C-alpha atoms as a PDB file:
ATOM      1  CA  MET A   1     133.929  65.089 123.893  1.00  0.00           C
ATOM      2  CA  LYS A   2     131.087  66.894 125.068  1.00  0.00           C
ATOM      3  CA  ALA A   3     132.713  70.484 123.456  1.00  0.00           C
ATOM      4  CA  ALA A   4     133.616  68.080 120.106  1.00  0.00           C
ATOM      5  CA  LEU A   5     129.669  66.973 120.109  1.00  0.00           C
ATOM      6  CA  ILE A   6     128.468  70.548 119.965  1.00  0.00           C
ATOM      7  CA  ALA A   7     130.703  71.730 117.269  1.00  0.00           C
ATOM      8  CA  ILE A   8     129.320  68.491 115.705  1.00  0.00           C
ATOM      9  CA  VAL A   9     125.565  69.882 116.260  1.00  0.00           C
ATOM     10  CA  LEU A  10     126.113  73.279 115.057  1.00  0.00           C
ATOM     11  CA  ALA A  11     127.770  72.260 112.134  1.00  0.00           C
ATOM     12  CA  ALA A  12     125.295  70.234 110.884  1.00  0.00           C
ATOM     13  CA  LEU A  13     122.383  72.875 111.752  1.00  0.00           C
ATOM     14  CA  ALA A  14     124.786  75.598 109.612  1.00  0.00           C
ATOM     15  CA  SER A  15     124.312  72.895 106.755  1.00  0.00           C
ATOM     16  CA  GLN A  16     120.982  73.463 106.819  1.00  0.00           C
ATOM     17  CA  PRO A  17     119.243  75.219 104.339  1.00  0.00           C
ATOM     18  CA  ARG A  18     117.828  78.474 105.519  1.00  0.00           C
ATOM     19  CA  ALA A  19     114.097  79.196 105.564  1.00  0.00           C
ATOM     20  CA  VAL A  20     113.734  82.242 103.416  1.00  0.00           C
ATOM     21  CA  ALA A  21     111.968  85.248 105.555  1.00  0.00           C
ATOM     22  CA  ALA A  22     109.256  87.732 104.045  1.00  0.00           C
ATOM     23  CA  SER A  23     111.938  90.248 104.118  1.00  0.00           C
ATOM     24  CA  ASP A  24     114.315  88.485 102.473  1.00  0.00           C
ATOM     25  CA  GLN A  25     111.935  89.081  98.964  1.00  0.00           C
ATOM     26  CA  VAL A  26     110.475  92.494  98.130  1.00  0.00           C
ATOM     27  CA  ILE A  27     108.688  93.499  94.892  1.00  0.00           C
ATOM     28  CA  GLN A  28     108.787  97.139  94.255  1.00  0.00           C
ATOM     29  CA  VAL A  29     106.252  99.112  91.864  1.00  0.00           C
ATOM     30  CA  ASP A  30     107.126 102.465  90.522  1.00  0.00           C
ATOM     31  CA  TYR A  31     104.232 103.949  88.769  1.00  0.00           C
ATOM     32  CA  SER A  32     104.374 107.997  86.679  1.00  0.00           C
ATOM     33  CA  ASN A  33     101.870 109.086  84.967  1.00  0.00           C
ATOM     34  CA  GLN A  34     102.066 113.028  84.424  1.00  0.00           C
ATOM     35  CA  GLY A  35      98.339 113.170  83.621  1.00  0.00           C
ATOM     36  CA  LEU A  36      97.083 111.979  87.031  1.00  0.00           C
ATOM     37  CA  SER A  37      97.717 112.929  91.046  1.00  0.00           C
ATOM     38  CA  PRO A  38      99.839 112.095  92.284  1.00  0.00           C
ATOM     39  CA  SER A  39     101.576 111.703  89.523  1.00  0.00           C
ATOM     40  CA  GLN A  40     104.367 109.143  90.538  1.00  0.00           C
ATOM     41  CA  TRP A  41     103.993 106.630  93.494  1.00  0.00           C
ATOM     42  CA  THR A  42     106.137 104.357  95.245  1.00  0.00           C
ATOM     43  CA  MET A  43     104.898 100.781  96.416  1.00  0.00           C
ATOM     44  CA  THR A  44     106.400  97.810  98.111  1.00  0.00           C
ATOM     45  CA  LEU A  45     105.470  94.478  99.248  1.00  0.00           C
ATOM     46  CA  ARG A  46     106.779  91.356 100.805  1.00  0.00           C
ATOM     47  CA  PRO A  47     105.269  87.840 100.322  1.00  0.00           C
ATOM     48  CA  ASP A  48     103.491  88.363 104.179  1.00  0.00           C
ATOM     49  CA  GLY A  49     101.375  91.274 102.724  1.00  0.00           C
ATOM     50  CA  SER A  50     103.474  94.003 104.390  1.00  0.00           C
ATOM     51  CA  GLY A  51     104.878  96.892 102.618  1.00  0.00           C
ATOM     52  CA  HIS A  52     105.576 100.621 102.523  1.00  0.00           C
ATOM     53  CA  PHE A  53     103.438 103.409 100.230  1.00  0.00           C
ATOM     54  CA  ARG A  54     104.821 106.570  99.271  1.00  0.00           C
ATOM     55  CA  SER A  55     103.604 109.513  96.743  1.00  0.00           C
ATOM     56  CA  GLN A  56     103.938 113.161  96.738  1.00  0.00           C
ATOM     57  CA  MET A  57     101.393 115.631  97.378  1.00  0.00           C
ATOM     58  CA  GLY A  58      99.234 115.935  94.166  1.00  0.00           C
ATOM     59  CA  LYS A  59      98.128 118.866  91.981  1.00  0.00           C
ATOM     60  CA  LEU A  60      94.484 120.192  91.834  1.00  0.00           C
ATOM     61  CA  VAL A  61      93.075 118.306  88.404  1.00  0.00           C
ATOM     62  CA  SER A  62      89.630 120.879  88.364  1.00  0.00           C
ATOM     63  CA  SER A  63      88.883 124.084  89.160  1.00  0.00           C
ATOM     64  CA  ASP A  64      86.113 123.059  92.015  1.00  0.00           C
ATOM     65  CA  PRO A  65      87.358 125.837  94.869  1.00  0.00           C
ATOM     66  CA  HIS A  66      86.264 123.165  97.181  1.00  0.00           C
ATOM     67  CA  GLU A  67      88.683 120.586  95.762  1.00  0.00           C
ATOM     68  CA  ILE A  68      91.223 119.497  97.973  1.00  0.00           C
ATOM     69  CA  ASN A  69      94.782 118.424  96.998  1.00  0.00           C
ATOM     70  CA  THR A  70      95.777 115.449  97.157  1.00  0.00           C
ATOM     71  CA  PRO A  71      98.067 114.930 100.211  1.00  0.00           C
ATOM     72  CA  GLY A  72     101.549 113.435 100.000  1.00  0.00           C
ATOM     73  CA  VAL A  73     101.880 109.777 101.875  1.00  0.00           C
ATOM     74  CA  ASP A  74     104.528 107.801 103.013  1.00  0.00           C
ATOM     75  CA  ARG A  75     103.442 105.333 105.407  1.00  0.00           C
ATOM     76  CA  ASP A  76     103.339 101.710 106.179  1.00  0.00           C
ATOM     77  CA  LEU A  77     100.861  98.947 104.415  1.00  0.00           C
ATOM     78  CA  GLN A  78      98.980  95.807 105.239  1.00  0.00           C
ATOM     79  CA  VAL A  79      97.937  93.781 102.106  1.00  0.00           C
ATOM     80  CA  SER A  80      96.253  90.889 102.686  1.00  0.00           C
ATOM     81  CA  PRO A  81      98.381  87.445 102.850  1.00  0.00           C
ATOM     82  CA  GLU A  82      96.297  85.733 100.039  1.00  0.00           C
ATOM     83  CA  TYR A  83      96.642  89.381  97.601  1.00  0.00           C
ATOM     84  CA  ALA A  84     100.735  89.491  98.451  1.00  0.00           C
ATOM     85  CA  ALA A  85     101.267  85.626  97.276  1.00  0.00           C
ATOM     86  CA  LYS A  86      99.243  86.077  94.199  1.00  0.00           C
ATOM     87  CA  ILE A  87     101.715  89.294  93.511  1.00  0.00           C
ATOM     88  CA  PHE A  88     104.798  86.752  94.146  1.00  0.00           C
ATOM     89  CA  ASP A  89     103.211  84.113  91.888  1.00  0.00           C
ATOM     90  CA  ILE A  90     103.329  85.799  89.236  1.00  0.00           C
ATOM     91  CA  ALA A  91     106.927  87.576  89.682  1.00  0.00           C
ATOM     92  CA  ARG A  92     107.721  83.653  89.722  1.00  0.00           C
ATOM     93  CA  ARG A  93     106.195  82.899  86.446  1.00  0.00           C
ATOM     94  CA  HIS A  94     107.704  85.795  84.638  1.00  0.00           C
ATOM     95  CA  ASN A  95     111.041  84.765  85.675  1.00  0.00           C
ATOM     96  CA  TRP A  96     111.147  87.462  88.668  1.00  0.00           C
ATOM     97  CA  PHE A  97     110.713  90.130  86.057  1.00  0.00           C
ATOM     98  CA  ASN A  98     113.802  89.225  83.465  1.00  0.00           C
ATOM     99  CA  GLU A  99     111.743  89.511  80.795  1.00  0.00           C
ATOM    100  CA  SER A 100     110.355  91.715  78.605  1.00  0.00           C
ATOM    101  CA  CYS A 101     107.064  93.203  79.346  1.00  0.00           C
ATOM    102  CA  GLU A 102     105.924  96.234  77.302  1.00  0.00           C
ATOM    103  CA  SER A 103     103.735  94.746  74.458  1.00  0.00           C
ATOM    104  CA  HIS A 104     104.751  98.579  71.904  1.00  0.00           C
ATOM    105  CA  MET A 105     101.307  98.357  70.426  1.00  0.00           C
ATOM    106  CA  LYS A 106      99.439 101.492  69.903  1.00  0.00           C
ATOM    107  CA  VAL A 107      97.198 101.558  73.063  1.00  0.00           C
ATOM    108  CA  ALA A 108      96.610 104.787  75.289  1.00  0.00           C
ATOM    109  CA  PHE A 109      98.779 105.756  77.072  1.00  0.00           C
ATOM    110  CA  GLN A 110      97.665 104.217  80.826  1.00  0.00           C
ATOM    111  CA  GLY A 111     100.998 104.816  83.223  1.00  0.00           C
ATOM    112  CA  TRP A 112     104.602 103.580  83.250  1.00  0.00           C
ATOM    113  CA  LYS A 113     104.886 100.556  85.918  1.00  0.00           C
ATOM    114  CA  THR A 114     107.958  99.307  86.984  1.00  0.00           C
ATOM    115  CA  LEU A 115     108.292  95.943  88.591  1.00  0.00           C
ATOM    116  CA  THR A 116     111.124  94.884  90.795  1.00  0.00           C
ATOM    117  CA  TYR A 117     111.806  91.806  92.773  1.00  0.00           C
ATOM    118  CA  THR A 118     114.817  91.182  94.767  1.00  0.00           C
ATOM    119  CA  GLY A 119     115.493  88.299  96.470  1.00  0.00           C
ATOM    120  CA  PRO A 120     116.855  85.029  96.763  1.00  0.00           C
ATOM    121  CA  GLN A 121     116.220  84.151  93.654  1.00  0.00           C
ATOM    122  CA  GLY A 122     118.452  87.139  92.163  1.00  0.00           C
ATOM    123  CA  GLN A 123     116.988  90.548  90.534  1.00  0.00           C
ATOM    124  CA  GLY A 124     114.660  91.096  87.832  1.00  0.00           C
ATOM    125  CA  SER A 125     113.027  94.416  86.377  1.00  0.00           C
ATOM    126  CA  CYS A 126     110.360  95.336  83.787  1.00  0.00           C
ATOM    127  CA  THR A 127     108.396  98.427  82.570  1.00  0.00           C
ATOM    128  CA  PHE A 128     105.312  98.625  80.556  1.00  0.00           C
ATOM    129  CA  ASN A 129     102.439 100.909  79.715  1.00  0.00           C
ATOM    130  CA  TYR A 130     100.511  97.869  78.801  1.00  0.00           C
ATOM    131  CA  SER A 131     101.344  94.425  78.549  1.00  0.00           C
ATOM    132  CA  LYS A 132      99.890  91.594  76.393  1.00  0.00           C
ATOM    133  CA  ASP A 133     100.130  88.874  79.039  1.00  0.00           C
ATOM    134  CA  LYS A 134      96.872  88.955  80.946  1.00  0.00           C
ATOM    135  CA  GLU A 135      99.024  88.201  84.354  1.00  0.00           C
ATOM    136  CA  MET A 136     101.440  91.309  83.708  1.00  0.00           C
ATOM    137  CA  GLN A 137      98.606  93.538  82.417  1.00  0.00           C
ATOM    138  CA  TRP A 138      96.319  92.596  85.768  1.00  0.00           C
ATOM    139  CA  LEU A 139      99.165  93.210  87.971  1.00  0.00           C
ATOM    140  CA  GLY A 140      99.725  96.479  86.664  1.00  0.00           C
ATOM    141  CA  GLU A 141      95.641  97.610  86.577  1.00  0.00           C
ATOM    142  CA  SER A 142      96.042  96.031  90.802  1.00  0.00           C
ATOM    143  CA  VAL A 143      98.549  97.554  92.212  1.00  0.00           C
ATOM    144  CA  GLU A 144      97.172 100.829  90.365  1.00  0.00           C
ATOM    145  CA  ALA A 145      93.687 100.226  92.418  1.00  0.00           C
ATOM    146  CA  VAL A 146      95.743  99.201  95.789  1.00  0.00           C
ATOM    147  CA  ALA A 147      97.679 102.888  95.563  1.00  0.00           C
ATOM    148  CA  GLU A 148      93.573 104.497  95.008  1.00  0.00           C
ATOM    149  CA  THR A 149      92.429 102.939  98.017  1.00  0.00           C
ATOM    150  CA  ILE A 150      95.644 104.191  99.594  1.00  0.00           C
ATOM    151  CA  VAL A 151      95.398 107.739  98.076  1.00  0.00           C
ATOM    152  CA  GLU A 152      91.732 108.052  98.871  1.00  0.00           C
ATOM    153  CA  GLY A 153      92.218 106.994 102.962  1.00  0.00           C
ATOM    154  CA  GLU A 154      94.433 109.891 102.811  1.00  0.00           C
ATOM    155  CA  ARG A 155      91.774 111.917 101.052  1.00  0.00           C
ATOM    156  CA  LEU A 156      88.998 110.724 104.069  1.00  0.00           C
ATOM    157  CA  GLU A 157      91.942 111.851 106.481  1.00  0.00           C
ATOM    158  CA  VAL A 158      91.919 115.346 105.043  1.00  0.00           C
ATOM    159  CA  LEU A 159      88.536 115.985 105.171  1.00  0.00           C
ATOM    160  CA  LEU A 160      87.360 114.373 108.500  1.00  0.00           C
ATOM    161  CA  GLN A 161      89.715 116.809 109.992  1.00  0.00           C
ATOM    162  CA  HIS A 162      88.754 120.083 107.617  1.00  0.00           C
ATOM    163  CA  ASP A 163      85.557 119.568 105.730  1.00  0.00           C
ATOM    164  CA  ARG A 164      82.807 116.753 107.517  1.00  0.00           C
ATOM    165  CA  LEU A 165      80.425 117.154 104.779  1.00  0.00           C
ATOM    166  CA  GLY A 166      83.326 116.713 101.999  1.00  0.00           C
ATOM    167  CA  LEU A 167      83.069 113.159 103.334  1.00  0.00           C
ATOM    168  CA  ASP A 168      79.723 112.696 101.850  1.00  0.00           C
ATOM    169  CA  ASP A 169      80.183 112.761  98.588  1.00  0.00           C
ATOM    170  CA  GLU A 170      84.549 111.236  98.838  1.00  0.00           C
ATOM    171  CA  MET A 171      82.936 108.144 100.275  1.00  0.00           C
ATOM    172  CA  GLU A 172      80.690 107.722  97.671  1.00  0.00           C
ATOM    173  CA  PHE A 173      83.132 107.828  95.290  1.00  0.00           C
ATOM    174  CA  LEU A 174      85.173 105.433  96.911  1.00  0.00           C
ATOM    175  CA  THR A 175      82.034 102.773  97.435  1.00  0.00           C
ATOM    176  CA  GLU A 176      81.501 102.706  93.755  1.00  0.00           C
ATOM    177  CA  ALA A 177      85.087 102.307  93.251  1.00  0.00           C
ATOM    178  CA  ALA A 178      85.575  99.375  95.480  1.00  0.00           C
ATOM    179  CA  GLY A 179      82.210  98.210  93.662  1.00  0.00           C
ATOM    180  CA  ASP A 180      84.352  98.431  90.341  1.00  0.00           C
ATOM    181  CA  GLY A 181      87.338  97.766  91.187  1.00  0.00           C
ATOM    182  CA  ARG A 182      89.030 100.625  90.912  1.00  0.00           C
ATOM    183  CA  ALA A 183      89.580 100.871  94.317  1.00  0.00           C
ATOM    184  CA  GLN A 184      90.932  97.349  95.682  1.00  0.00           C
ATOM    185  CA  GLN A 185      92.656  96.481  99.062  1.00  0.00           C
ATOM    186  CA  ILE A 186      90.255  98.172 101.411  1.00  0.00           C
ATOM    187  CA  CYS A 187      92.513  96.744 104.264  1.00  0.00           C
ATOM    188  CA  THR A 188      94.892  99.236 103.949  1.00  0.00           C
ATOM    189  CA  ILE A 189      92.395 101.998 105.016  1.00  0.00           C
ATOM    190  CA  ARG A 190      90.596  99.924 107.785  1.00  0.00           C
ATOM    191  CA  ASP A 191      91.837 102.874 110.526  1.00  0.00           C
ATOM    192  CA  ILE A 192      90.276 105.716 108.774  1.00  0.00           C
ATOM    193  CA  LEU A 193      87.146 103.286 108.046  1.00  0.00           C
ATOM    194  CA  GLU A 194      86.697 102.695 111.646  1.00  0.00           C
ATOM    195  CA  ARG A 195      87.132 105.935 112.765  1.00  0.00           C
ATOM    196  CA  LEU A 196      84.501 107.332 110.333  1.00  0.00           C
ATOM    197  CA  ALA A 197      81.768 104.562 111.153  1.00  0.00           C
ATOM    198  CA  GLN A 198      82.561 105.257 114.535  1.00  0.00           C
ATOM    199  CA  ASP A 199      81.987 108.810 114.461  1.00  0.00           C
ATOM    200  CA  ASP A 200      78.786 110.599 115.226  1.00  0.00           C
ATOM    201  CA  GLU A 201      79.752 113.923 114.341  1.00  0.00           C
ATOM    202  CA  VAL A 202      79.696 112.410 110.657  1.00  0.00           C
ATOM    203  CA  LEU A 203      76.838 112.179 108.269  1.00  0.00           C
ATOM    204  CA  GLU A 204      74.913 109.088 108.861  1.00  0.00           C
ATOM    205  CA  ARG A 205      75.259 107.915 104.923  1.00  0.00           C
ATOM    206  CA  VAL A 206      79.312 108.170 105.628  1.00  0.00           C
ATOM    207  CA  ARG A 207      79.446 106.189 108.873  1.00  0.00           C
ATOM    208  CA  LYS A 208      76.772 103.382 106.880  1.00  0.00           C
ATOM    209  CA  ARG A 209      79.606 103.275 104.089  1.00  0.00           C
ATOM    210  CA  ALA A 210      82.185 102.922 105.736  1.00  0.00           C
ATOM    211  CA  LYS A 211      80.534 100.066 107.522  1.00  0.00           C
ATOM    212  CA  ALA A 212      79.507  98.737 104.547  1.00  0.00           C
ATOM    213  CA  LEU A 213      82.840  99.018 102.823  1.00  0.00           C
ATOM    214  CA  LEU A 214      84.844  97.366 105.855  1.00  0.00           C
ATOM    215  CA  GLU A 215      82.126  94.521 105.629  1.00  0.00           C
ATOM    216  CA  HIS A 216      83.861  94.525 102.274  1.00  0.00           C
ATOM    217  CA  GLY A 217      86.794  92.642 103.942  1.00  0.00           C
ATOM    218  CA  THR A 218      89.958  92.643 101.861  1.00  0.00           C
ATOM    219  CA  THR A 219      89.295  92.737  98.020  1.00  0.00           C
END
């Protein structure tokens, strides 16, 4: 009797709909623009904000002898849960990217963005340079800005090791980019910013800017 009751309970539990785990849903962004450095990168995001970013080492984009190569990146990332939720909400409203998102308008080349959703709702993918849909265009520009932040973080890592004086110009650029939206989700490079903020061997301006960016939070 007891065994039969256990079997009934287990069967009832098995029939309940399983909660969708964050790891069951993934949005992947593949970006390509041969005019930029790095020219290609891939970002994956889950609903809880976790993900991964990968790019190859970029090429020098200027003849400045003090310029450094854009380092390759291959690491996990964490954006804010609010940001990730907005990305997945857009994907849901756009049929999980099972629709055309390229405008075919004659506009300046901004780079090819391929957005792919994989999860319980199925799979969808669309590619665009420019989208007439405001949400999709925002999404493309926003993930580019997050990638910019991550790559800048890697450049700061290199400069901290090899050219501490070069940190001044790089931090000035990052501060301006965070202010006008070219760099977003500063939380993805919190580790390097915290180290700079506490490093007495870098310029005071660098420390102050690092602290200010940390206060910038998750935007």
